[in-house]
C-alpha atoms as a PDB file:
ATOM      1  CA  MET A   1       0.000   0.000   0.000  1.00  0.00           C
ATOM      2  CA  ALA A   2       1.289   3.490  -0.865  1.00  0.00           C
ATOM      3  CA  GLN A   3       2.271   5.571   2.131  1.00  0.00           C
ATOM      4  CA  THR A   4       3.107   9.161   2.936  1.00  0.00           C
ATOM      5  CA  ALA A   5       6.885   9.118   2.834  1.00  0.00           C
ATOM      6  CA  GLU A   6       9.706  11.573   3.414  1.00  0.00           C
ATOM      7  CA  ASP A   7      13.001  12.062   1.600  1.00  0.00           C
ATOM      8  CA  ALA A   8      15.151   9.261   3.049  1.00  0.00           C
ATOM      9  CA  SER A   9      18.524  10.676   1.932  1.00  0.00           C
ATOM     10  CA  ALA A  10      19.802  11.275   5.472  1.00  0.00           C
ATOM     11  CA  ILE A  11      19.151   7.598   6.307  1.00  0.00           C
ATOM     12  CA  TYR A  12      20.861   6.407   3.121  1.00  0.00           C
ATOM     13  CA  LEU A  13      24.010   8.493   3.597  1.00  0.00           C
ATOM     14  CA  TYR A  14      24.573   7.834   7.313  1.00  0.00           C
ATOM     15  CA  GLN A  15      28.035   6.411   8.029  1.00  0.00           C
ATOM     16  CA  GLY A  16      28.206   6.407  11.839  1.00  0.00           C
ATOM     17  CA  ALA A  17      29.802   3.534  13.754  1.00  0.00           C
ATOM     18  CA  ASP A  18      26.353   2.239  14.724  1.00  0.00           C
ATOM     19  CA  ARG A  19      25.119   2.214  11.101  1.00  0.00           C
ATOM     20  CA  GLU A  20      24.559  -1.527  10.788  1.00  0.00           C
ATOM     21  CA  THR A  21      22.947  -2.201  14.174  1.00  0.00           C
ATOM     22  CA  ARG A  22      20.688   0.814  13.765  1.00  0.00           C
ATOM     23  CA  MET A  23      19.743  -0.138  10.200  1.00  0.00           C
ATOM     24  CA  VAL A  24      18.917  -3.754  11.159  1.00  0.00           C
ATOM     25  CA  ALA A  25      16.820  -2.734  14.176  1.00  0.00           C
ATOM     26  CA  LYS A  26      14.850  -0.105  12.233  1.00  0.00           C
ATOM     27  CA  ALA A  27      14.365  -2.438   9.232  1.00  0.00           C
ATOM     28  CA  ARG A  28      12.901  -5.089  11.532  1.00  0.00           C
ATOM     29  CA  GLU A  29      10.507  -2.479  12.916  1.00  0.00           C
ATOM     30  CA  GLU A  30       9.409  -1.660   9.354  1.00  0.00           C
ATOM     31  CA  GLY A  31       9.020  -5.404   8.779  1.00  0.00           C
ATOM     32  CA  THR A  32       8.719  -5.415   4.995  1.00  0.00           C
ATOM     33  CA  LEU A  33       9.910  -3.895   1.731  1.00  0.00           C
ATOM     34  CA  LEU A  34       8.696  -3.777  -1.868  1.00  0.00           C
ATOM     35  CA  LEU A  35      11.158  -4.568  -4.674  1.00  0.00           C
ATOM     36  CA  TYR A  36      10.540  -3.768  -8.348  1.00  0.00           C
ATOM     37  CA  THR A  37      12.812  -5.839 -10.589  1.00  0.00           C
ATOM     38  CA  SER A  38      13.256  -7.339 -14.040  1.00  0.00           C
ATOM     39  CA  MET A  39      15.356 -10.209 -12.658  1.00  0.00           C
ATOM     40  CA  ALA A  40      13.823 -13.606 -13.379  1.00  0.00           C
ATOM     41  CA  PRO A  41      11.467 -14.706 -10.552  1.00  0.00           C
ATOM     42  CA  SER A  42      13.561 -17.808  -9.804  1.00  0.00           C
ATOM     43  CA  GLU A  43      16.596 -15.628  -8.950  1.00  0.00           C
ATOM     44  CA  SER A  44      14.887 -12.583  -7.418  1.00  0.00           C
ATOM     45  CA  GLY A  45      12.817 -14.965  -5.269  1.00  0.00           C
ATOM     46  CA  GLN A  46      15.951 -16.685  -3.960  1.00  0.00           C
ATOM     47  CA  LEU A  47      17.557 -13.350  -3.088  1.00  0.00           C
ATOM     48  CA  GLY A  48      14.412 -12.253  -1.267  1.00  0.00           C
ATOM     49  CA  GLN A  49      14.187 -15.532   0.673  1.00  0.00           C
ATOM     50  CA  ALA A  50      17.850 -15.388   1.724  1.00  0.00           C
ATOM     51  CA  PHE A  51      17.358 -11.819   2.975  1.00  0.00           C
ATOM     52  CA  GLU A  52      14.144 -12.740   4.848  1.00  0.00           C
ATOM     53  CA  LYS A  53      15.875 -15.703   6.484  1.00  0.00           C
ATOM     54  CA  LYS A  54      18.797 -13.567   7.637  1.00  0.00           C
ATOM     55  CA  TYR A  55      16.922 -10.491   8.881  1.00  0.00           C
ATOM     56  CA  GLY A  56      13.275 -11.481   9.350  1.00  0.00           C
ATOM     57  CA  VAL A  57      12.181  -8.661   7.015  1.00  0.00           C
ATOM     58  CA  LYS A  58       9.636  -9.687   4.348  1.00  0.00           C
ATOM     59  CA  VAL A  59      10.418  -8.959   0.696  1.00  0.00           C
ATOM     60  CA  GLN A  60       7.489  -8.390  -1.644  1.00  0.00           C
ATOM     61  CA  ILE A  61       8.498  -8.610  -5.308  1.00  0.00           C
ATOM     62  CA  TRP A  62       6.862  -7.090  -8.373  1.00  0.00           C
ATOM     63  CA  ARG A  63       8.598  -8.444 -11.463  1.00  0.00           C
ATOM     64  CA  ASN A  64       8.243  -7.314 -15.084  1.00  0.00           C
ATOM     65  CA  LEU A  65      10.310  -6.360 -18.125  1.00  0.00           C
ATOM     66  CA  SER A  66      12.714  -3.460 -17.530  1.00  0.00           C
ATOM     67  CA  GLU A  67      10.656  -0.891 -19.464  1.00  0.00           C
ATOM     68  CA  ALA A  68       7.577  -1.760 -17.374  1.00  0.00           C
ATOM     69  CA  VAL A  69       9.618  -1.433 -14.154  1.00  0.00           C
ATOM     70  CA  LEU A  70      10.757   2.018 -15.295  1.00  0.00           C
ATOM     71  CA  GLN A  71       7.257   3.166 -16.271  1.00  0.00           C
ATOM     72  CA  ARG A  72       5.649   1.961 -13.052  1.00  0.00           C
ATOM     73  CA  ALA A  73       8.268   3.561 -10.801  1.00  0.00           C
ATOM     74  CA  LEU A  74       8.097   6.825 -12.788  1.00  0.00           C
ATOM     75  CA  SER A  75       4.322   7.089 -12.923  1.00  0.00           C
ATOM     76  CA  GLU A  76       3.949   6.327  -9.203  1.00  0.00           C
ATOM     77  CA  ALA A  77       6.555   8.951  -8.312  1.00  0.00           C
ATOM     78  CA  GLN A  78       4.831  11.541 -10.509  1.00  0.00           C
ATOM     79  CA  ALA A  79       1.506  10.746  -8.810  1.00  0.00           C
ATOM     80  CA  LYS A  80       3.239  10.929  -5.389  1.00  0.00           C
ATOM     81  CA  ARG A  81       2.150   7.338  -4.720  1.00  0.00           C
ATOM     82  CA  HIS A  82       5.173   6.125  -2.807  1.00  0.00           C
ATOM     83  CA  SER A  83       5.026   2.319  -2.838  1.00  0.00           C
ATOM     84  CA  VAL A  84       8.401   1.052  -4.005  1.00  0.00           C
ATOM     85  CA  ASP A  85      11.449   0.761  -1.747  1.00  0.00           C
ATOM     86  CA  VAL A  86      14.089  -0.822  -3.997  1.00  0.00           C
ATOM     87  CA  VAL A  87      14.479  -0.998  -7.789  1.00  0.00           C
ATOM     88  CA  GLU A  88      16.780  -3.528  -9.485  1.00  0.00           C
ATOM     89  CA  THR A  89      16.801  -3.521 -13.279  1.00  0.00           C
ATOM     90  CA  ASN A  90      18.757  -2.574 -16.421  1.00  0.00           C
ATOM     91  CA  GLY A  91      21.287   0.227 -16.022  1.00  0.00           C
ATOM     92  CA  PRO A  92      19.701   2.596 -18.592  1.00  0.00           C
ATOM     93  CA  GLU A  93      16.321   2.378 -16.836  1.00  0.00           C
ATOM     94  CA  ILE A  94      17.880   2.929 -13.390  1.00  0.00           C
ATOM     95  CA  GLU A  95      19.841   5.875 -14.810  1.00  0.00           C
ATOM     96  CA  ALA A  96      16.555   7.372 -16.078  1.00  0.00           C
ATOM     97  CA  LEU A  97      15.049   7.021 -12.584  1.00  0.00           C
ATOM     98  CA  ALA A  98      18.129   8.720 -11.112  1.00  0.00           C
ATOM     99  CA  LYS A  99      17.798  11.600 -13.576  1.00  0.00           C
ATOM    100  CA  GLU A 100      14.139  12.052 -12.594  1.00  0.00           C
ATOM    101  CA  GLY A 101      14.984  12.065  -8.883  1.00  0.00           C
ATOM    102  CA  VAL A 102      13.013   8.887  -8.127  1.00  0.00           C
ATOM    103  CA  VAL A 103      16.012   7.150  -6.545  1.00  0.00           C
ATOM    104  CA  ALA A 104      18.582   8.610  -4.165  1.00  0.00           C
ATOM    105  CA  GLU A 105      22.308   8.469  -3.513  1.00  0.00           C
ATOM    106  CA  TYR A 106      23.236   5.871  -0.887  1.00  0.00           C
ATOM    107  CA  PHE A 107      26.301   4.672   0.934  1.00  0.00           C
ATOM    108  CA  SER A 108      27.323   1.036   1.156  1.00  0.00           C
ATOM    109  CA  PRO A 109      30.540  -0.211   2.781  1.00  0.00           C
ATOM    110  CA  HIS A 110      30.722  -2.991   0.164  1.00  0.00           C
ATOM    111  CA  VAL A 111      31.510  -0.672  -2.777  1.00  0.00           C
ATOM    112  CA  ALA A 112      35.274  -1.133  -2.289  1.00  0.00           C
ATOM    113  CA  SER A 113      35.007  -4.804  -3.320  1.00  0.00           C
ATOM    114  CA  LEU A 114      33.145  -4.069  -6.580  1.00  0.00           C
ATOM    115  CA  ARG A 115      34.520  -3.523 -10.083  1.00  0.00           C
ATOM    116  CA  PRO A 116      35.298   0.118 -10.998  1.00  0.00           C
ATOM    117  CA  PHE A 117      32.319   0.512 -13.372  1.00  0.00           C
ATOM    118  CA  ALA A 118      29.843  -0.566 -10.658  1.00  0.00           C
ATOM    119  CA  VAL A 119      29.251   2.841  -9.066  1.00  0.00           C
ATOM    120  CA  ALA A 120      27.327   5.360 -11.170  1.00  0.00           C
ATOM    121  CA  PRO A 121      29.029   8.798 -11.411  1.00  0.00           C
ATOM    122  CA  GLN A 122      26.150  10.486  -9.535  1.00  0.00           C
ATOM    123  CA  ARG A 123      26.159   7.609  -6.971  1.00  0.00           C
ATOM    124  CA  LYS A 124      22.382   7.176  -7.188  1.00  0.00           C
ATOM    125  CA  TRP A 125      22.713   3.540  -8.146  1.00  0.00           C
ATOM    126  CA  ILE A 126      25.257   0.774  -7.806  1.00  0.00           C
ATOM    127  CA  SER A 127      25.614  -2.136 -10.221  1.00  0.00           C
ATOM    128  CA  ASP A 128      25.061  -5.497  -8.533  1.00  0.00           C
ATOM    129  CA  ARG A 129      25.377  -7.608 -11.674  1.00  0.00           C
ATOM    130  CA  VAL A 130      26.038  -7.460 -15.397  1.00  0.00           C
ATOM    131  CA  ASN A 131      24.051  -8.809 -18.298  1.00  0.00           C
ATOM    132  CA  LEU A 132      26.356 -10.208 -20.979  1.00  0.00           C
ATOM    133  CA  PHE A 133      24.959 -10.333 -24.508  1.00  0.00           C
ATOM    134  CA  VAL A 134      26.130 -13.723 -25.765  1.00  0.00           C
ATOM    135  CA  VAL A 135      25.338 -16.215 -28.496  1.00  0.00           C
ATOM    136  CA  GLY A 136      23.054 -18.795 -26.903  1.00  0.00           C
ATOM    137  CA  TYR A 137      22.456 -22.054 -28.744  1.00  0.00           C
ATOM    138  CA  ASN A 138      20.652 -25.377 -28.503  1.00  0.00           C
ATOM    139  CA  THR A 139      23.290 -28.095 -28.160  1.00  0.00           C
ATOM    140  CA  THR A 140      21.188 -30.696 -29.989  1.00  0.00           C
ATOM    141  CA  LYS A 141      20.884 -28.398 -33.020  1.00  0.00           C
ATOM    142  CA  VAL A 142      24.291 -26.709 -33.142  1.00  0.00           C
ATOM    143  CA  LYS A 143      27.795 -27.861 -32.146  1.00  0.00           C
ATOM    144  CA  ARG A 144      30.113 -25.534 -30.218  1.00  0.00           C
ATOM    145  CA  GLU A 145      32.745 -25.675 -32.960  1.00  0.00           C
ATOM    146  CA  GLU A 146      30.199 -24.416 -35.505  1.00  0.00           C
ATOM    147  CA  ILE A 147      29.774 -21.088 -33.667  1.00  0.00           C
ATOM    148  CA  PRO A 148      31.796 -18.363 -35.453  1.00  0.00           C
ATOM    149  CA  ALA A 149      34.410 -16.374 -33.525  1.00  0.00           C
ATOM    150  CA  THR A 150      32.745 -13.051 -34.410  1.00  0.00           C
ATOM    151  CA  TYR A 151      29.171 -11.917 -35.090  1.00  0.00           C
ATOM    152  CA  GLU A 152      29.993 -11.412 -38.764  1.00  0.00           C
ATOM    153  CA  GLY A 153      30.346 -15.181 -39.163  1.00  0.00           C
ATOM    154  CA  PHE A 154      26.551 -15.467 -38.802  1.00  0.00           C
ATOM    155  CA  LEU A 155      26.084 -13.658 -42.129  1.00  0.00           C
ATOM    156  CA  ASP A 156      26.914 -16.934 -43.903  1.00  0.00           C
ATOM    157  CA  PRO A 157      23.738 -18.059 -45.759  1.00  0.00           C
ATOM    158  CA  LYS A 158      23.833 -21.407 -43.898  1.00  0.00           C
ATOM    159  CA  TRP A 159      22.559 -19.589 -40.743  1.00  0.00           C
ATOM    160  CA  LYS A 160      19.426 -18.270 -42.430  1.00  0.00           C
ATOM    161  CA  GLY A 161      16.318 -19.535 -40.626  1.00  0.00           C
ATOM    162  CA  LYS A 162      18.300 -20.528 -37.530  1.00  0.00           C
ATOM    163  CA  LEU A 163      18.819 -17.154 -35.841  1.00  0.00           C
ATOM    164  CA  ALA A 164      16.856 -15.051 -33.379  1.00  0.00           C
ATOM    165  CA  ILE A 165      17.425 -11.779 -31.536  1.00  0.00           C
ATOM    166  CA  GLU A 166      15.561 -10.204 -28.633  1.00  0.00           C
ATOM    167  CA  ALA A 167      13.103  -7.630 -29.996  1.00  0.00           C
ATOM    168  CA  THR A 168      14.266  -4.649 -27.915  1.00  0.00           C
ATOM    169  CA  ASP A 169      18.058  -4.985 -28.109  1.00  0.00           C
ATOM    170  CA  GLN A 170      18.774  -1.699 -29.901  1.00  0.00           C
ATOM    171  CA  GLU A 171      21.423  -0.849 -27.259  1.00  0.00           C
ATOM    172  CA  TRP A 172      23.328  -4.011 -28.266  1.00  0.00           C
ATOM    173  CA  LEU A 173      23.140  -2.804 -31.876  1.00  0.00           C
ATOM    174  CA  GLY A 174      24.395   0.639 -30.799  1.00  0.00           C
ATOM    175  CA  ALA A 175      27.314  -0.849 -28.869  1.00  0.00           C
ATOM    176  CA  LEU A 176      28.458  -2.953 -31.842  1.00  0.00           C
ATOM    177  CA  ILE A 177      28.171  -0.053 -34.293  1.00  0.00           C
ATOM    178  CA  LYS A 178      30.170   2.224 -31.970  1.00  0.00           C
ATOM    179  CA  TYR A 179      32.796  -0.492 -31.445  1.00  0.00           C
ATOM    180  CA  TRP A 180      33.208  -1.314 -35.149  1.00  0.00           C
ATOM    181  CA  GLY A 181      32.558   2.154 -36.544  1.00  0.00           C
ATOM    182  CA  GLU A 182      29.504   3.315 -38.500  1.00  0.00           C
ATOM    183  CA  LYS A 183      30.456   1.807 -41.889  1.00  0.00           C
ATOM    184  CA  ARG A 184      31.340  -1.714 -40.726  1.00  0.00           C
ATOM    185  CA  GLY A 185      28.605  -1.752 -38.076  1.00  0.00           C
ATOM    186  CA  MET A 186      25.783  -0.643 -40.385  1.00  0.00           C
ATOM    187  CA  GLU A 187      26.935  -3.055 -43.073  1.00  0.00           C
ATOM    188  CA  PHE A 188      26.785  -5.934 -40.566  1.00  0.00           C
ATOM    189  CA  PHE A 189      23.289  -5.109 -39.323  1.00  0.00           C
ATOM    190  CA  GLN A 190      21.913  -4.576 -42.843  1.00  0.00           C
ATOM    191  CA  LYS A 191      23.197  -8.017 -43.828  1.00  0.00           C
ATOM    192  CA  LEU A 192      21.920  -9.523 -40.578  1.00  0.00           C
ATOM    193  CA  ALA A 193      18.459  -8.063 -41.286  1.00  0.00           C
ATOM    194  CA  ALA A 194      18.590  -9.761 -44.697  1.00  0.00           C
ATOM    195  CA  GLN A 195      19.026 -13.071 -42.811  1.00  0.00           C
ATOM    196  CA  LYS A 196      15.546 -12.375 -41.366  1.00  0.00           C
ATOM    197  CA  PRO A 197      16.261 -13.396 -37.743  1.00  0.00           C
ATOM    198  CA  ASP A 198      13.274 -14.303 -35.571  1.00  0.00           C
ATOM    199  CA  LEU A 199      12.410 -11.525 -33.072  1.00  0.00           C
ATOM    200  CA  ARG A 200      11.202 -12.491 -29.590  1.00  0.00           C
ATOM    201  CA  LYS A 201      10.385 -10.090 -26.759  1.00  0.00           C
ATOM    202  CA  GLY A 202      12.000 -10.883 -23.419  1.00  0.00           C
ATOM    203  CA  HIS A 203      15.401 -12.481 -22.809  1.00  0.00           C
ATOM    204  CA  VAL A 204      13.926 -15.156 -20.544  1.00  0.00           C
ATOM    205  CA  LEU A 205      11.521 -16.164 -23.340  1.00  0.00           C
ATOM    206  CA  LEU A 206      14.350 -16.167 -25.892  1.00  0.00           C
ATOM    207  CA  ALA A 207      16.373 -18.528 -23.670  1.00  0.00           C
ATOM    208  CA  GLN A 208      13.362 -20.820 -23.148  1.00  0.00           C
ATOM    209  CA  LEU A 209      12.728 -21.048 -26.896  1.00  0.00           C
ATOM    210  CA  ILE A 210      16.385 -21.918 -27.497  1.00  0.00           C
ATOM    211  CA  ALA A 211      16.090 -24.652 -24.851  1.00  0.00           C
ATOM    212  CA  ALA A 212      12.897 -25.960 -26.503  1.00  0.00           C
ATOM    213  CA  GLY A 213      14.720 -26.204 -29.845  1.00  0.00           C
ATOM    214  CA  GLU A 214      12.325 -23.794 -31.511  1.00  0.00           C
ATOM    215  CA  ILE A 215      15.250 -21.383 -31.980  1.00  0.00           C
ATOM    216  CA  PRO A 216      18.673 -22.975 -32.693  1.00  0.00           C
ATOM    217  CA  VAL A 217      20.719 -19.789 -32.037  1.00  0.00           C
ATOM    218  CA  GLY A 218      19.995 -16.531 -30.196  1.00  0.00           C
ATOM    219  CA  LEU A 219      22.496 -13.793 -31.063  1.00  0.00           C
ATOM    220  CA  SER A 220      21.627 -11.489 -28.150  1.00  0.00           C
ATOM    221  CA  ALA A 221      20.859 -13.914 -25.331  1.00  0.00           C
ATOM    222  CA  TYR A 222      21.874 -13.179 -21.742  1.00  0.00           C
ATOM    223  CA  SER A 223      24.555 -15.525 -20.401  1.00  0.00           C
ATOM    224  CA  ALA A 224      22.762 -15.770 -17.036  1.00  0.00           C
ATOM    225  CA  ASN A 225      19.514 -17.003 -18.610  1.00  0.00           C
ATOM    226  CA  MET A 226      21.406 -19.636 -20.576  1.00  0.00           C
ATOM    227  CA  ASP A 227      23.387 -20.700 -17.494  1.00  0.00           C
ATOM    228  CA  SER A 228      20.277 -21.135 -15.333  1.00  0.00           C
ATOM    229  CA  ILE A 229      18.672 -23.413 -17.953  1.00  0.00           C
ATOM    230  CA  LYS A 230      21.941 -25.319 -18.451  1.00  0.00           C
ATOM    231  CA  ALA A 231      22.263 -25.822 -14.661  1.00  0.00           C
ATOM    232  CA  LYS A 232      18.880 -27.580 -14.675  1.00  0.00           C
ATOM    233  CA  GLY A 233      20.023 -29.943 -17.440  1.00  0.00           C
ATOM    234  CA  GLY A 234      18.601 -27.990 -20.407  1.00  0.00           C
ATOM    235  CA  PRO A 235      20.255 -28.620 -23.809  1.00  0.00           C
ATOM    236  CA  VAL A 236      21.776 -25.142 -24.081  1.00  0.00           C
ATOM    237  CA  ASP A 237      25.123 -23.401 -23.933  1.00  0.00           C
ATOM    238  CA  TRP A 238      26.542 -20.048 -24.918  1.00  0.00           C
ATOM    239  CA  ALA A 239      29.604 -18.574 -26.546  1.00  0.00           C
ATOM    240  CA  ALA A 240      31.204 -15.170 -26.053  1.00  0.00           C
ATOM    241  CA  VAL A 241      31.777 -14.034 -29.624  1.00  0.00           C
ATOM    242  CA  GLU A 242      33.672 -10.810 -30.180  1.00  0.00           C
ATOM    243  CA  PRO A 243      32.962  -8.165 -29.227  1.00  0.00           C
ATOM    244  CA  LEU A 244      31.319  -9.291 -25.980  1.00  0.00           C
ATOM    245  CA  VAL A 245      28.934  -6.544 -24.858  1.00  0.00           C
ATOM    246  CA  GLY A 246      28.116  -6.110 -21.169  1.00  0.00           C
ATOM    247  CA  ARG A 247      25.444  -3.913 -19.633  1.00  0.00           C
ATOM    248  CA  PRO A 248      25.504  -3.072 -15.928  1.00  0.00           C
ATOM    249  CA  GLN A 249      22.296  -3.751 -14.032  1.00  0.00           C
ATOM    250  CA  GLY A 250      21.498  -1.218 -11.349  1.00  0.00           C
ATOM    251  CA  LEU A 251      20.388  -1.485  -7.731  1.00  0.00           C
ATOM    252  CA  ALA A 252      18.795   1.657  -6.301  1.00  0.00           C
ATOM    253  CA  VAL A 253      16.793   2.787  -3.279  1.00  0.00           C
ATOM    254  CA  ALA A 254      13.706   4.976  -3.692  1.00  0.00           C
ATOM    255  CA  LYS A 255      14.106   8.564  -2.506  1.00  0.00           C
ATOM    256  CA  TYR A 256      10.671   8.441  -0.847  1.00  0.00           C
ATOM    257  CA  ALA A 257      10.712   4.780   0.187  1.00  0.00           C
ATOM    258  CA  PRO A 258       8.016   3.916   2.735  1.00  0.00           C
ATOM    259  CA  HIS A 259      10.521   1.477   4.311  1.00  0.00           C
ATOM    260  CA  PRO A 260      13.892   3.231   3.904  1.00  0.00           C
ATOM    261  CA  TYR A 261      15.848   1.224   6.493  1.00  0.00           C
ATOM    262  CA  ALA A 262      14.658  -2.066   4.986  1.00  0.00           C
ATOM    263  CA  ALA A 263      15.486  -0.709   1.497  1.00  0.00           C
ATOM    264  CA  LEU A 264      19.034   0.184   2.523  1.00  0.00           C
ATOM    265  CA  LEU A 265      19.530  -3.101   4.369  1.00  0.00           C
ATOM    266  CA  PHE A 266      18.413  -5.041   1.292  1.00  0.00           C
ATOM    267  CA  ALA A 267      20.769  -3.070  -0.993  1.00  0.00           C
ATOM    268  CA  ASP A 268      23.615  -3.704   1.466  1.00  0.00           C
ATOM    269  CA  PHE A 269      22.770  -7.414   1.540  1.00  0.00           C
ATOM    270  CA  VAL A 270      22.808  -7.768  -2.261  1.00  0.00           C
ATOM    271  CA  LEU A 271      26.158  -5.932  -2.516  1.00  0.00           C
ATOM    272  CA  SER A 272      27.710  -7.861   0.392  1.00  0.00           C
ATOM    273  CA  PRO A 273      30.023 -10.864  -0.172  1.00  0.00           C
ATOM    274  CA  GLU A 274      27.047 -13.086   0.754  1.00  0.00           C
ATOM    275  CA  GLY A 275      24.727 -11.479  -1.822  1.00  0.00           C
ATOM    276  CA  MET A 276      27.409 -11.466  -4.522  1.00  0.00           C
ATOM    277  CA  ALA A 277      28.182 -15.164  -3.925  1.00  0.00           C
ATOM    278  CA  LEU A 278      24.461 -15.961  -4.133  1.00  0.00           C
ATOM    279  CA  LEU A 279      24.130 -14.125  -7.473  1.00  0.00           C
ATOM    280  CA  GLY A 280      27.172 -16.019  -8.751  1.00  0.00           C
ATOM    281  CA  ALA A 281      25.759 -19.362  -7.601  1.00  0.00           C
ATOM    282  CA  MET A 282      22.541 -18.619  -9.525  1.00  0.00           C
ATOM    283  CA  GLY A 283      24.521 -18.134 -12.735  1.00  0.00           C
ATOM    284  CA  ARG A 284      24.333 -14.341 -12.669  1.00  0.00           C
ATOM    285  CA  VAL A 285      27.423 -12.192 -13.290  1.00  0.00           C
ATOM    286  CA  PRO A 286      27.975 -10.244 -10.049  1.00  0.00           C
ATOM    287  CA  THR A 287      30.110  -7.084 -10.026  1.00  0.00           C
ATOM    288  CA  SER A 288      32.256  -8.259  -7.097  1.00  0.00           C
ATOM    289  CA  LYS A 289      35.981  -8.462  -7.864  1.00  0.00           C
ATOM    290  CA  ASN A 290      36.071 -11.540  -5.627  1.00  0.00           C
ATOM    291  CA  VAL A 291      33.632 -13.751  -7.563  1.00  0.00           C
ATOM    292  CA  LYS A 292      35.008 -15.439 -10.678  1.00  0.00           C
ATOM    293  CA  THR A 293      32.928 -14.553 -13.767  1.00  0.00           C
ATOM    294  CA  PRO A 294      33.388 -14.454 -17.565  1.00  0.00           C
ATOM    295  CA  LEU A 295      34.560 -10.836 -17.094  1.00  0.00           C
ATOM    296  CA  ASP A 296      37.841 -12.246 -15.746  1.00  0.00           C
ATOM    297  CA  SER A 297      38.658 -14.210 -18.887  1.00  0.00           C
ATOM    298  CA  THR A 298      36.926 -12.495 -21.814  1.00  0.00           C
ATOM    299  CA  LYS A 299      37.591  -9.194 -23.537  1.00  0.00           C
ATOM    300  CA  TYR A 300      34.435  -7.119 -23.135  1.00  0.00           C
ATOM    301  CA  ILE A 301      32.986  -3.661 -23.704  1.00  0.00           C
ATOM    302  CA  MET A 302      30.729  -2.266 -20.994  1.00  0.00           C
ATOM    303  CA  LEU A 303      27.839  -0.050 -22.048  1.00  0.00           C
ATOM    304  CA  ASP A 304      27.878   3.560 -20.851  1.00  0.00           C
ATOM    305  CA  VAL A 305      24.255   3.699 -19.711  1.00  0.00           C
ATOM    306  CA  ALA A 306      24.015   7.509 -19.740  1.00  0.00           C
ATOM    307  CA  ALA A 307      25.133   7.474 -23.401  1.00  0.00           C
ATOM    308  CA  VAL A 308      22.637   4.678 -24.138  1.00  0.00           C
ATOM    309  CA  ASN A 309      19.810   6.910 -22.919  1.00  0.00           C
ATOM    310  CA  GLU A 310      21.069   9.976 -24.801  1.00  0.00           C
ATOM    311  CA  GLU A 311      21.434   8.043 -28.067  1.00  0.00           C
ATOM    312  CA  GLN A 312      18.339   5.874 -27.631  1.00  0.00           C
ATOM    313  CA  ASP A 313      16.265   7.535 -30.361  1.00  0.00           C
ATOM    314  CA  LYS A 314      19.064   7.146 -32.900  1.00  0.00           C
ATOM    315  CA  TRP A 315      19.589   3.420 -32.288  1.00  0.00           C
ATOM    316  CA  GLN A 316      15.848   2.772 -31.926  1.00  0.00           C
ATOM    317  CA  LYS A 317      15.224   4.333 -35.364  1.00  0.00           C
ATOM    318  CA  ILE A 318      17.911   2.169 -37.008  1.00  0.00           C
ATOM    319  CA  TRP A 319      16.633  -0.951 -35.195  1.00  0.00           C
ATOM    320  CA  ASN A 320      13.028  -0.323 -36.212  1.00  0.00           C
ATOM    321  CA  GLU A 321      13.945   0.282 -39.861  1.00  0.00           C
ATOM    322  CA  LEU A 322      16.052  -2.885 -40.026  1.00  0.00           C
ATOM    323  CA  PHE A 323      14.064  -5.368 -37.971  1.00  0.00           C
ATOM    324  CA  LEU A 324      10.566  -4.102 -37.244  1.00  0.00           C
ATOM    325  CA  LYS A 325       9.377  -2.966 -40.678  1.00  0.00           C
END
């Protein structure tokens, strides 16, 4: 239920010696928090349960695609209906919420153990994990050695009818064009469009269709989705073809959270060694420097989420003309 809430910035920025004991006690008094996330329910549910077990504070989760998370948080803030406490979703969407003043700067002692890109310049969100855009494939339909070393290998006519991309991955397109340069990048995507890849909305759905064999190869799958299916025995795997594009996911606390202490405690928990290890165990790519991930062994480019938002219209226009006509 929406509540009358005050700006919680003073709570979020407190660094006194009694910070943790005070935060835990006050969070238990609040008793609950509401999380908006685009993380798959299997993983977000596990995080919530681990937090509840540790602190006795209930986590309610509303899960949807990242654009829906953004729209809901924005529209509620504009209507002064303060329901949400924590938002965890794609970096560009979190950055938009920061720009609109929906989320607030917060301090966490765990930042020192995270990768350098994890803290947003304005400090209004911290990246807890990364989504890696990888080539996901069904192992009964395609052999690992058949996967080309670069994306351009998929322009071979033999791949026609076997490829899919997620329907809203214009930021992936933008990253590749910027990496390769306009001429090479546009040439690649024009030729890829001529291959007529299947478009499916939602990375979880894309991964499920690859597992079902309906789609042999997904060019813009998330490694974490593929890993979670593979861990359950699904006939899938993924390859990091060059260039490997990463996008930071953001974790933020609502400026007018009805349960600010619980919000901060949850953010601290996710960014702690315990939370990072749990994300890693679920096949996610945590931003901790102390958890081994593909970022340690693969050359990657990390999206600048502020630039993604500024250039969104440009890449969206190109994407629509190529794939959505």
